[in-house]
């Protein structure tokens, strides 16, 4: 088994851009003022959310596990999003969207979100489920209802559906990804 080690980098709008959009109060986007509340409310629209179906908001509470990506998955029909609760940091292992059956691991990155901003993925971005650095880390996840159901239909060690393509990196590529802090 080959191990690829990625060094975690602090997530910024620039290094998140190949994978999605940094969603937070410091997003580099124009501020829109409310006609009702003036300078008391600052609105930003850092990205365009895409979904073709009913969404669910899931609250996932994470415990620490090895800083390793065993699987990577992608979504074709919605821009899955992750929003931290409580300001706790989390890690994401990401690879850019592509036409291939597996992610291009040479382009993978490990990004550390400090808990002040979330992530909206581009369609097709490969990702491992978020990794907690602190037990009890909670995230709100925006996900298509059908995609959440498709994750329950496991074949071998993978899952597939109209919006879901979850691959076992070890079985497919003989690789695991480890993250170094």
N, C-alpha and C. Protein backbone atom coordinates (compact mmCIF):
# COMPACT_ATOMS: atom_id res chain seq x y z
N UNK A 1 0.84 -1.18 0.00
CA UNK A 1 0.00 0.00 0.00
C UNK A 1 0.88 1.24 0.00
N UNK A 2 0.66 2.11 -0.95
CA UNK A 2 1.40 3.35 -1.04
C UNK A 2 0.69 4.42 -0.21
N UNK A 3 1.47 5.23 0.49
CA UNK A 3 0.92 6.30 1.31
C UNK A 3 1.35 7.63 0.71
N UNK A 4 0.38 8.49 0.47
CA UNK A 4 0.65 9.86 0.04
C UNK A 4 0.42 10.74 1.26
N UNK A 5 1.42 11.55 1.61
CA UNK A 5 1.29 12.44 2.75
C UNK A 5 1.09 13.86 2.25
N UNK A 6 0.01 14.48 2.70
CA UNK A 6 -0.28 15.88 2.38
C UNK A 6 -0.08 16.72 3.63
N UNK A 7 0.61 17.83 3.49
CA UNK A 7 0.76 18.75 4.61
C UNK A 7 -0.45 19.67 4.63
N UNK A 8 -1.09 19.79 5.78
CA UNK A 8 -2.27 20.64 5.92
C UNK A 8 -1.88 22.11 5.73
N UNK A 9 -2.70 22.81 4.99
CA UNK A 9 -2.52 24.25 4.75
C UNK A 9 -3.75 24.98 5.25
N UNK A 10 -3.57 26.16 5.80
CA UNK A 10 -4.72 26.97 6.21
C UNK A 10 -5.56 27.30 4.98
N UNK A 11 -6.87 27.09 5.09
CA UNK A 11 -7.77 27.37 3.97
C UNK A 11 -7.88 28.87 3.75
N UNK A 12 -7.71 29.27 2.50
CA UNK A 12 -7.89 30.66 2.08
C UNK A 12 -8.80 30.65 0.85
N UNK A 13 -9.34 31.80 0.51
CA UNK A 13 -10.17 31.87 -0.70
C UNK A 13 -9.39 31.40 -1.92
N UNK A 14 -8.09 31.70 -1.95
CA UNK A 14 -7.27 31.36 -3.11
C UNK A 14 -7.01 29.86 -3.22
N UNK A 15 -6.62 29.21 -2.11
CA UNK A 15 -6.31 27.78 -2.24
C UNK A 15 -7.56 26.89 -2.21
N UNK A 16 -8.69 27.44 -1.80
CA UNK A 16 -9.95 26.71 -1.87
C UNK A 16 -10.53 26.76 -3.29
N UNK A 17 -10.20 27.81 -4.06
CA UNK A 17 -10.83 28.08 -5.35
C UNK A 17 -10.86 26.90 -6.33
N UNK A 18 -9.83 26.06 -6.46
CA UNK A 18 -9.94 24.94 -7.40
C UNK A 18 -11.00 23.90 -6.99
N UNK A 19 -11.42 23.95 -5.74
CA UNK A 19 -12.31 22.93 -5.19
C UNK A 19 -13.71 23.45 -4.86
N UNK A 20 -13.80 24.75 -4.60
CA UNK A 20 -15.07 25.31 -4.19
C UNK A 20 -14.91 26.76 -3.76
N UNK A 21 -15.79 27.18 -2.86
CA UNK A 21 -15.83 28.56 -2.41
C UNK A 21 -15.76 28.60 -0.89
N UNK A 22 -14.88 29.45 -0.37
CA UNK A 22 -14.82 29.69 1.06
C UNK A 22 -16.05 30.51 1.45
N UNK A 23 -16.80 30.01 2.42
CA UNK A 23 -18.06 30.65 2.82
C UNK A 23 -17.90 31.22 4.22
N UNK A 24 -17.77 32.54 4.30
CA UNK A 24 -17.61 33.15 5.61
C UNK A 24 -17.69 34.66 5.53
N UNK A 25 -17.60 35.31 6.67
CA UNK A 25 -17.77 36.76 6.72
C UNK A 25 -16.64 37.55 6.07
N UNK A 26 -15.52 36.92 5.80
CA UNK A 26 -14.42 37.64 5.16
C UNK A 26 -14.26 37.25 3.69
N UNK A 27 -15.27 36.57 3.13
CA UNK A 27 -15.20 36.16 1.72
C UNK A 27 -14.95 37.38 0.85
N UNK A 28 -14.03 37.25 -0.12
CA UNK A 28 -13.69 38.39 -0.98
C UNK A 28 -14.79 38.64 -2.02
N UNK A 29 -15.87 39.23 -1.57
CA UNK A 29 -17.01 39.51 -2.44
C UNK A 29 -17.65 40.81 -1.97
N UNK A 30 -18.31 41.53 -2.87
CA UNK A 30 -18.90 42.81 -2.46
C UNK A 30 -19.93 42.64 -1.35
N UNK A 31 -19.98 43.64 -0.48
CA UNK A 31 -20.97 43.67 0.59
C UNK A 31 -22.24 44.32 0.03
N UNK A 32 -23.37 43.69 0.32
CA UNK A 32 -24.66 44.23 -0.07
C UNK A 32 -25.33 44.74 1.20
N UNK A 33 -25.88 45.94 1.12
CA UNK A 33 -26.55 46.52 2.28
C UNK A 33 -28.06 46.34 2.15
N UNK A 34 -28.69 46.04 3.25
CA UNK A 34 -30.14 45.87 3.29
C UNK A 34 -30.82 47.23 3.17
N UNK A 35 -31.86 47.34 2.33
CA UNK A 35 -32.58 48.61 2.27
C UNK A 35 -33.33 48.91 3.57
N UNK A 36 -33.48 47.91 4.41
CA UNK A 36 -34.22 48.10 5.66
C UNK A 36 -33.31 48.35 6.86
N UNK A 37 -32.09 47.80 6.82
CA UNK A 37 -31.23 47.87 8.00
C UNK A 37 -29.93 48.62 7.77
N UNK A 38 -29.72 49.12 6.56
CA UNK A 38 -28.56 49.95 6.25
C UNK A 38 -27.25 49.30 6.62
N UNK A 39 -26.40 50.05 7.31
CA UNK A 39 -25.06 49.54 7.64
C UNK A 39 -25.08 48.60 8.84
N UNK A 40 -26.24 48.24 9.35
CA UNK A 40 -26.35 47.30 10.47
C UNK A 40 -26.31 45.85 10.00
N UNK A 41 -26.50 45.61 8.70
CA UNK A 41 -26.49 44.25 8.15
C UNK A 41 -25.63 44.24 6.89
N UNK A 42 -24.60 43.40 6.89
CA UNK A 42 -23.72 43.24 5.72
C UNK A 42 -24.00 41.86 5.12
N UNK A 43 -24.46 41.84 3.89
CA UNK A 43 -24.77 40.59 3.19
C UNK A 43 -23.70 40.32 2.14
N UNK A 44 -23.31 39.06 2.01
CA UNK A 44 -22.34 38.65 0.99
C UNK A 44 -22.88 37.42 0.28
N UNK A 45 -22.57 37.31 -1.00
CA UNK A 45 -22.93 36.13 -1.78
C UNK A 45 -21.67 35.58 -2.41
N UNK A 46 -20.88 34.82 -1.64
CA UNK A 46 -19.58 34.37 -2.14
C UNK A 46 -19.64 33.32 -3.24
N UNK A 47 -20.76 32.62 -3.37
CA UNK A 47 -20.84 31.58 -4.40
C UNK A 47 -22.27 31.28 -4.75
N UNK A 48 -22.44 30.53 -5.84
CA UNK A 48 -23.78 30.15 -6.31
C UNK A 48 -24.03 28.70 -5.93
N UNK A 49 -25.00 28.48 -5.07
CA UNK A 49 -25.36 27.13 -4.67
C UNK A 49 -26.17 26.49 -5.78
N UNK A 50 -25.87 25.22 -6.09
CA UNK A 50 -26.56 24.48 -7.14
C UNK A 50 -27.16 23.22 -6.53
N UNK A 51 -28.43 22.99 -6.83
CA UNK A 51 -29.09 21.74 -6.42
C UNK A 51 -30.31 21.54 -7.31
N UNK A 52 -30.51 20.31 -7.74
CA UNK A 52 -31.65 20.01 -8.60
C UNK A 52 -32.77 19.29 -7.86
N UNK A 53 -32.67 19.17 -6.55
CA UNK A 53 -33.61 18.36 -5.79
C UNK A 53 -33.76 18.95 -4.39
N UNK A 54 -34.59 18.32 -3.60
CA UNK A 54 -34.81 18.74 -2.22
C UNK A 54 -33.53 18.56 -1.41
N UNK A 55 -33.20 19.59 -0.64
CA UNK A 55 -32.01 19.53 0.21
C UNK A 55 -32.38 19.15 1.62
N UNK A 56 -31.40 18.58 2.29
CA UNK A 56 -31.49 18.35 3.72
C UNK A 56 -30.30 19.03 4.38
N UNK A 57 -30.52 19.52 5.56
CA UNK A 57 -29.42 20.03 6.37
C UNK A 57 -29.19 19.02 7.48
N UNK A 58 -28.02 18.43 7.46
CA UNK A 58 -27.65 17.43 8.44
C UNK A 58 -26.65 18.05 9.41
N UNK A 59 -26.81 17.80 10.68
CA UNK A 59 -25.80 18.20 11.66
C UNK A 59 -24.97 16.96 11.95
N UNK A 60 -23.70 17.03 11.59
CA UNK A 60 -22.76 15.92 11.84
C UNK A 60 -21.85 16.32 12.99
N UNK A 61 -21.79 15.48 14.00
CA UNK A 61 -20.86 15.71 15.11
C UNK A 61 -19.74 14.70 14.97
N UNK A 62 -18.53 15.21 14.84
CA UNK A 62 -17.36 14.40 14.53
C UNK A 62 -16.48 14.19 15.75
N UNK A 63 -15.96 13.00 15.85
CA UNK A 63 -14.91 12.69 16.82
C UNK A 63 -13.61 12.55 16.03
N UNK A 64 -12.50 12.74 16.70
CA UNK A 64 -11.22 12.58 16.02
C UNK A 64 -11.07 11.15 15.52
N UNK A 65 -10.51 11.02 14.34
CA UNK A 65 -10.14 9.72 13.77
C UNK A 65 -8.80 9.93 13.08
N UNK A 66 -8.14 8.89 12.65
CA UNK A 66 -6.84 9.11 12.01
C UNK A 66 -6.97 10.12 10.86
N UNK A 67 -5.97 10.96 10.74
CA UNK A 67 -5.96 11.99 9.69
C UNK A 67 -5.58 11.33 8.37
N UNK A 68 -6.56 10.64 7.83
CA UNK A 68 -6.32 9.78 6.67
C UNK A 68 -7.56 9.80 5.78
N UNK A 69 -7.35 9.83 4.48
CA UNK A 69 -8.44 9.68 3.51
C UNK A 69 -8.38 8.28 2.94
N UNK A 70 -9.38 7.49 3.25
CA UNK A 70 -9.49 6.13 2.74
C UNK A 70 -10.39 6.12 1.51
N UNK A 71 -11.40 6.97 1.53
CA UNK A 71 -12.33 7.13 0.41
C UNK A 71 -12.27 8.56 -0.07
N UNK A 72 -12.69 8.77 -1.31
CA UNK A 72 -13.01 10.11 -1.80
C UNK A 72 -14.29 9.98 -2.60
N UNK A 73 -15.10 11.02 -2.53
CA UNK A 73 -16.37 11.02 -3.23
C UNK A 73 -16.57 12.34 -3.94
N UNK A 74 -17.53 12.34 -4.87
CA UNK A 74 -17.88 13.57 -5.58
C UNK A 74 -19.39 13.55 -5.84
N UNK A 75 -19.90 14.76 -6.11
CA UNK A 75 -21.33 14.94 -6.37
C UNK A 75 -21.50 15.71 -7.67
N UNK A 76 -22.44 15.24 -8.49
CA UNK A 76 -22.65 15.81 -9.82
C UNK A 76 -23.84 16.77 -9.88
N UNK A 77 -24.74 16.70 -8.90
CA UNK A 77 -26.01 17.42 -9.01
C UNK A 77 -26.23 18.47 -7.93
N UNK A 78 -25.28 18.63 -7.02
CA UNK A 78 -25.41 19.70 -6.04
C UNK A 78 -24.03 20.11 -5.53
N UNK A 79 -23.97 21.33 -5.06
CA UNK A 79 -22.72 21.88 -4.52
C UNK A 79 -22.73 21.67 -3.00
N UNK A 80 -22.37 20.45 -2.60
CA UNK A 80 -22.40 20.10 -1.18
C UNK A 80 -21.62 21.14 -0.39
N UNK A 81 -22.14 21.45 0.81
CA UNK A 81 -21.54 22.51 1.62
C UNK A 81 -21.41 22.07 3.07
N UNK A 82 -20.37 22.59 3.71
CA UNK A 82 -20.04 22.25 5.09
C UNK A 82 -19.85 23.55 5.88
N UNK A 83 -20.61 23.71 6.97
CA UNK A 83 -20.54 24.92 7.78
C UNK A 83 -20.27 24.54 9.23
N UNK A 84 -19.16 25.02 9.82
CA UNK A 84 -18.83 24.65 11.19
C UNK A 84 -19.73 25.35 12.21
N UNK A 85 -20.01 24.65 13.27
CA UNK A 85 -20.73 25.21 14.41
C UNK A 85 -19.75 25.28 15.58
N UNK A 86 -19.82 26.31 16.36
CA UNK A 86 -18.99 26.39 17.56
C UNK A 86 -17.55 26.79 17.32
N UNK A 87 -17.19 27.16 16.10
CA UNK A 87 -15.85 27.67 15.83
C UNK A 87 -14.73 26.65 15.90
N UNK A 88 -15.06 25.37 15.82
CA UNK A 88 -14.00 24.34 15.89
C UNK A 88 -13.41 24.07 14.51
N UNK A 89 -12.10 23.86 14.46
CA UNK A 89 -11.44 23.62 13.18
C UNK A 89 -11.75 22.22 12.63
N UNK A 90 -11.61 22.09 11.32
CA UNK A 90 -11.75 20.79 10.67
C UNK A 90 -10.87 20.76 9.43
N UNK A 91 -10.54 19.56 8.99
CA UNK A 91 -9.71 19.35 7.81
C UNK A 91 -10.54 18.77 6.68
N UNK A 92 -10.21 19.16 5.45
CA UNK A 92 -10.81 18.56 4.27
C UNK A 92 -9.69 18.11 3.34
N UNK A 93 -9.78 16.87 2.85
CA UNK A 93 -8.88 16.39 1.80
C UNK A 93 -9.67 16.52 0.51
N UNK A 94 -9.12 17.26 -0.45
CA UNK A 94 -9.83 17.64 -1.66
C UNK A 94 -8.99 17.38 -2.90
N UNK A 95 -9.66 17.04 -3.99
CA UNK A 95 -9.01 16.95 -5.30
C UNK A 95 -9.96 17.59 -6.31
N UNK A 96 -9.43 18.24 -7.33
CA UNK A 96 -10.30 18.99 -8.25
C UNK A 96 -11.23 18.08 -9.05
N UNK A 97 -12.33 18.66 -9.52
CA UNK A 97 -13.22 17.90 -10.40
C UNK A 97 -12.47 17.43 -11.64
N UNK A 98 -12.92 16.34 -12.20
CA UNK A 98 -12.30 15.82 -13.42
C UNK A 98 -13.18 14.79 -14.07
N UNK A 99 -12.83 14.42 -15.29
CA UNK A 99 -13.62 13.46 -16.06
C UNK A 99 -13.31 12.01 -15.71
N UNK A 100 -12.17 11.75 -15.08
CA UNK A 100 -11.74 10.38 -14.81
C UNK A 100 -12.60 9.68 -13.78
N UNK A 101 -12.40 8.38 -13.68
CA UNK A 101 -13.14 7.54 -12.74
C UNK A 101 -12.62 7.64 -11.31
N UNK A 102 -11.41 8.19 -11.16
CA UNK A 102 -10.81 8.35 -9.84
C UNK A 102 -10.19 9.75 -9.76
N UNK A 103 -9.99 10.26 -8.55
CA UNK A 103 -9.38 11.58 -8.43
C UNK A 103 -7.92 11.58 -8.88
N UNK A 104 -7.46 12.73 -9.34
CA UNK A 104 -6.04 12.92 -9.65
C UNK A 104 -5.36 13.29 -8.33
N UNK A 105 -4.75 12.30 -7.70
CA UNK A 105 -4.22 12.51 -6.35
C UNK A 105 -3.00 13.42 -6.33
N UNK A 106 -2.32 13.57 -7.45
CA UNK A 106 -1.19 14.50 -7.51
C UNK A 106 -1.66 15.95 -7.32
N UNK A 107 -2.95 16.20 -7.51
CA UNK A 107 -3.51 17.55 -7.35
C UNK A 107 -4.29 17.69 -6.05
N UNK A 108 -4.25 16.66 -5.20
CA UNK A 108 -4.99 16.70 -3.93
C UNK A 108 -4.32 17.65 -2.95
N UNK A 109 -5.14 18.24 -2.09
CA UNK A 109 -4.65 19.13 -1.04
C UNK A 109 -5.40 18.81 0.26
N UNK A 110 -4.76 19.10 1.36
CA UNK A 110 -5.40 19.02 2.68
C UNK A 110 -5.53 20.44 3.20
N UNK A 111 -6.76 20.89 3.37
CA UNK A 111 -6.99 22.26 3.80
C UNK A 111 -7.60 22.28 5.20
N UNK A 112 -7.05 23.16 6.02
CA UNK A 112 -7.47 23.30 7.41
C UNK A 112 -8.37 24.53 7.52
N UNK A 113 -9.61 24.29 7.90
CA UNK A 113 -10.58 25.36 8.11
C UNK A 113 -10.58 25.68 9.60
N UNK A 114 -10.42 26.96 9.93
CA UNK A 114 -10.21 27.34 11.33
C UNK A 114 -11.49 27.41 12.16
N UNK A 115 -12.64 27.13 11.56
CA UNK A 115 -13.91 27.16 12.28
C UNK A 115 -14.68 28.45 12.09
N UNK A 116 -14.09 29.44 11.41
CA UNK A 116 -14.77 30.71 11.19
C UNK A 116 -15.46 30.78 9.83
N UNK A 117 -15.22 29.79 8.97
CA UNK A 117 -15.81 29.78 7.63
C UNK A 117 -16.03 28.34 7.20
N UNK A 118 -16.94 28.19 6.26
CA UNK A 118 -17.24 26.87 5.72
C UNK A 118 -16.79 26.76 4.28
N UNK A 119 -17.28 25.73 3.63
CA UNK A 119 -16.86 25.39 2.27
C UNK A 119 -18.07 24.95 1.46
N UNK A 120 -18.22 25.54 0.28
CA UNK A 120 -19.19 25.07 -0.70
C UNK A 120 -18.39 24.48 -1.86
N UNK A 121 -18.54 23.18 -2.09
CA UNK A 121 -17.77 22.49 -3.12
C UNK A 121 -18.29 22.82 -4.51
N UNK A 122 -17.39 22.82 -5.50
CA UNK A 122 -17.81 22.86 -6.90
C UNK A 122 -18.44 21.51 -7.24
N UNK A 123 -19.29 21.50 -8.24
CA UNK A 123 -19.81 20.23 -8.75
C UNK A 123 -18.63 19.35 -9.13
N UNK A 124 -18.64 18.10 -8.71
CA UNK A 124 -17.62 17.14 -9.11
C UNK A 124 -16.34 17.15 -8.30
N UNK A 125 -16.20 18.05 -7.32
CA UNK A 125 -14.99 18.07 -6.50
C UNK A 125 -14.90 16.79 -5.66
N UNK A 126 -13.75 16.14 -5.75
CA UNK A 126 -13.49 14.95 -4.94
C UNK A 126 -13.18 15.39 -3.51
N UNK A 127 -13.71 14.67 -2.54
CA UNK A 127 -13.46 15.03 -1.13
C UNK A 127 -13.66 13.82 -0.23
N UNK A 128 -12.93 13.82 0.85
CA UNK A 128 -13.18 12.88 1.95
C UNK A 128 -14.06 13.61 2.95
N UNK A 129 -14.84 12.87 3.71
CA UNK A 129 -15.68 13.48 4.73
C UNK A 129 -14.77 14.26 5.68
N UNK A 130 -15.23 15.39 6.21
CA UNK A 130 -14.38 16.22 7.07
C UNK A 130 -13.75 15.44 8.22
N UNK A 131 -12.55 15.86 8.56
CA UNK A 131 -11.78 15.27 9.66
C UNK A 131 -11.74 16.26 10.82
N UNK A 132 -12.10 15.80 12.00
CA UNK A 132 -12.10 16.65 13.19
C UNK A 132 -10.72 16.67 13.82
N UNK A 133 -10.35 17.82 14.34
CA UNK A 133 -9.13 17.96 15.14
C UNK A 133 -9.45 17.96 16.62
N UNK A 134 -10.73 18.20 16.94
CA UNK A 134 -11.20 18.27 18.32
C UNK A 134 -12.46 17.41 18.40
N UNK A 135 -12.53 16.53 19.40
CA UNK A 135 -13.75 15.73 19.58
C UNK A 135 -14.95 16.65 19.76
N UNK A 136 -16.09 16.22 19.23
CA UNK A 136 -17.31 17.00 19.37
C UNK A 136 -17.42 18.14 18.37
N UNK A 137 -16.65 18.10 17.29
CA UNK A 137 -16.75 19.13 16.25
C UNK A 137 -18.04 18.90 15.46
N UNK A 138 -18.87 19.93 15.38
CA UNK A 138 -20.14 19.81 14.65
C UNK A 138 -20.14 20.69 13.41
N UNK A 139 -20.70 20.13 12.35
CA UNK A 139 -20.83 20.83 11.07
C UNK A 139 -22.27 20.68 10.59
N UNK A 140 -22.79 21.72 9.97
CA UNK A 140 -24.03 21.59 9.20
C UNK A 140 -23.61 21.24 7.78
N UNK A 141 -24.23 20.19 7.24
CA UNK A 141 -23.93 19.75 5.88
C UNK A 141 -25.19 19.91 5.04
N UNK A 142 -25.08 20.66 3.94
CA UNK A 142 -26.16 20.79 2.97
C UNK A 142 -25.97 19.69 1.94
N UNK A 143 -26.96 18.80 1.82
CA UNK A 143 -26.84 17.64 0.95
C UNK A 143 -28.21 17.32 0.34
N UNK A 144 -28.21 16.83 -0.89
CA UNK A 144 -29.46 16.39 -1.53
C UNK A 144 -30.04 15.21 -0.75
N UNK A 145 -31.35 15.18 -0.63
CA UNK A 145 -32.00 14.09 0.09
C UNK A 145 -31.66 12.73 -0.54
N UNK A 146 -31.73 12.63 -1.88
CA UNK A 146 -31.43 11.35 -2.54
C UNK A 146 -29.98 10.94 -2.36
N UNK A 147 -29.08 11.90 -2.30
CA UNK A 147 -27.66 11.58 -2.12
C UNK A 147 -27.43 10.98 -0.74
N UNK A 148 -28.07 11.54 0.26
CA UNK A 148 -27.96 10.98 1.61
C UNK A 148 -28.44 9.53 1.62
N UNK A 149 -29.51 9.25 0.89
CA UNK A 149 -30.01 7.86 0.80
C UNK A 149 -29.03 6.97 0.05
N UNK A 150 -28.43 7.50 -1.03
CA UNK A 150 -27.49 6.70 -1.83
C UNK A 150 -26.29 6.24 -1.01
N UNK A 151 -25.90 7.02 -0.01
CA UNK A 151 -24.78 6.62 0.84
C UNK A 151 -25.08 5.35 1.63
N UNK A 152 -26.34 4.99 1.74
CA UNK A 152 -26.72 3.77 2.45
C UNK A 152 -26.64 2.53 1.55
N UNK A 153 -26.51 2.73 0.23
CA UNK A 153 -26.46 1.62 -0.72
C UNK A 153 -25.00 1.31 -1.04
N UNK A 154 -24.39 0.52 -0.18
CA UNK A 154 -22.97 0.21 -0.30
C UNK A 154 -22.79 -1.06 -1.11
N UNK A 155 -21.88 -0.99 -2.09
CA UNK A 155 -21.49 -2.16 -2.87
C UNK A 155 -19.99 -2.33 -2.69
N UNK A 156 -19.59 -3.48 -2.13
CA UNK A 156 -18.19 -3.64 -1.77
C UNK A 156 -17.89 -2.64 -0.68
N UNK A 157 -16.96 -1.74 -0.95
CA UNK A 157 -16.61 -0.70 0.01
C UNK A 157 -16.84 0.68 -0.60
N UNK A 158 -17.80 0.76 -1.55
CA UNK A 158 -18.07 2.00 -2.27
C UNK A 158 -19.58 2.23 -2.35
N UNK A 159 -19.95 3.42 -2.80
CA UNK A 159 -21.36 3.75 -2.99
C UNK A 159 -21.49 4.56 -4.28
N UNK A 160 -22.63 4.39 -4.94
CA UNK A 160 -22.86 5.07 -6.22
C UNK A 160 -24.34 5.42 -6.32
N UNK A 161 -24.61 6.55 -6.94
CA UNK A 161 -25.98 6.98 -7.21
C UNK A 161 -25.93 8.07 -8.27
N UNK A 162 -27.08 8.62 -8.64
CA UNK A 162 -27.10 9.65 -9.68
C UNK A 162 -26.22 10.86 -9.36
N UNK A 163 -26.10 11.18 -8.06
CA UNK A 163 -25.32 12.34 -7.64
C UNK A 163 -24.07 11.95 -6.86
N UNK A 164 -23.87 10.67 -6.63
CA UNK A 164 -22.81 10.22 -5.73
C UNK A 164 -21.87 9.25 -6.43
N UNK A 165 -20.58 9.47 -6.23
CA UNK A 165 -19.54 8.55 -6.72
C UNK A 165 -18.49 8.47 -5.62
N UNK A 166 -18.60 7.45 -4.74
CA UNK A 166 -17.69 7.30 -3.59
C UNK A 166 -16.77 6.13 -3.87
N UNK A 167 -15.46 6.39 -3.90
CA UNK A 167 -14.46 5.39 -4.28
C UNK A 167 -13.55 5.05 -3.11
N UNK A 168 -13.17 3.78 -3.06
CA UNK A 168 -12.22 3.26 -2.09
C UNK A 168 -10.82 3.42 -2.71
N UNK A 169 -10.02 4.33 -2.17
CA UNK A 169 -8.70 4.63 -2.74
C UNK A 169 -7.76 3.43 -2.68
N UNK A 170 -7.82 2.68 -1.59
CA UNK A 170 -6.92 1.52 -1.46
C UNK A 170 -7.27 0.46 -2.49
N UNK A 171 -8.56 0.16 -2.64
CA UNK A 171 -8.98 -0.88 -3.58
C UNK A 171 -8.73 -0.46 -5.03
N UNK A 172 -9.00 0.80 -5.34
CA UNK A 172 -8.89 1.28 -6.72
C UNK A 172 -7.46 1.60 -7.13
N UNK A 173 -6.70 2.22 -6.20
CA UNK A 173 -5.39 2.76 -6.55
C UNK A 173 -4.24 2.21 -5.72
N UNK A 174 -4.54 1.41 -4.70
CA UNK A 174 -3.49 0.93 -3.82
C UNK A 174 -2.86 2.05 -3.01
N UNK A 175 -3.68 3.05 -2.65
CA UNK A 175 -3.17 4.27 -2.01
C UNK A 175 -4.05 4.64 -0.82
N UNK A 176 -3.45 5.21 0.20
CA UNK A 176 -4.17 5.97 1.21
C UNK A 176 -3.48 7.32 1.31
N UNK A 177 -4.25 8.30 1.73
CA UNK A 177 -3.72 9.66 1.90
C UNK A 177 -3.68 9.94 3.39
N UNK A 178 -2.52 10.38 3.87
CA UNK A 178 -2.39 10.80 5.26
C UNK A 178 -2.13 12.30 5.30
N UNK A 179 -2.62 12.94 6.35
CA UNK A 179 -2.46 14.38 6.50
C UNK A 179 -1.51 14.66 7.65
N UNK A 180 -0.51 15.49 7.39
CA UNK A 180 0.43 15.95 8.42
C UNK A 180 0.06 17.38 8.79
N UNK A 181 -0.01 17.64 10.09
CA UNK A 181 -0.33 19.00 10.55
C UNK A 181 0.90 19.87 10.57
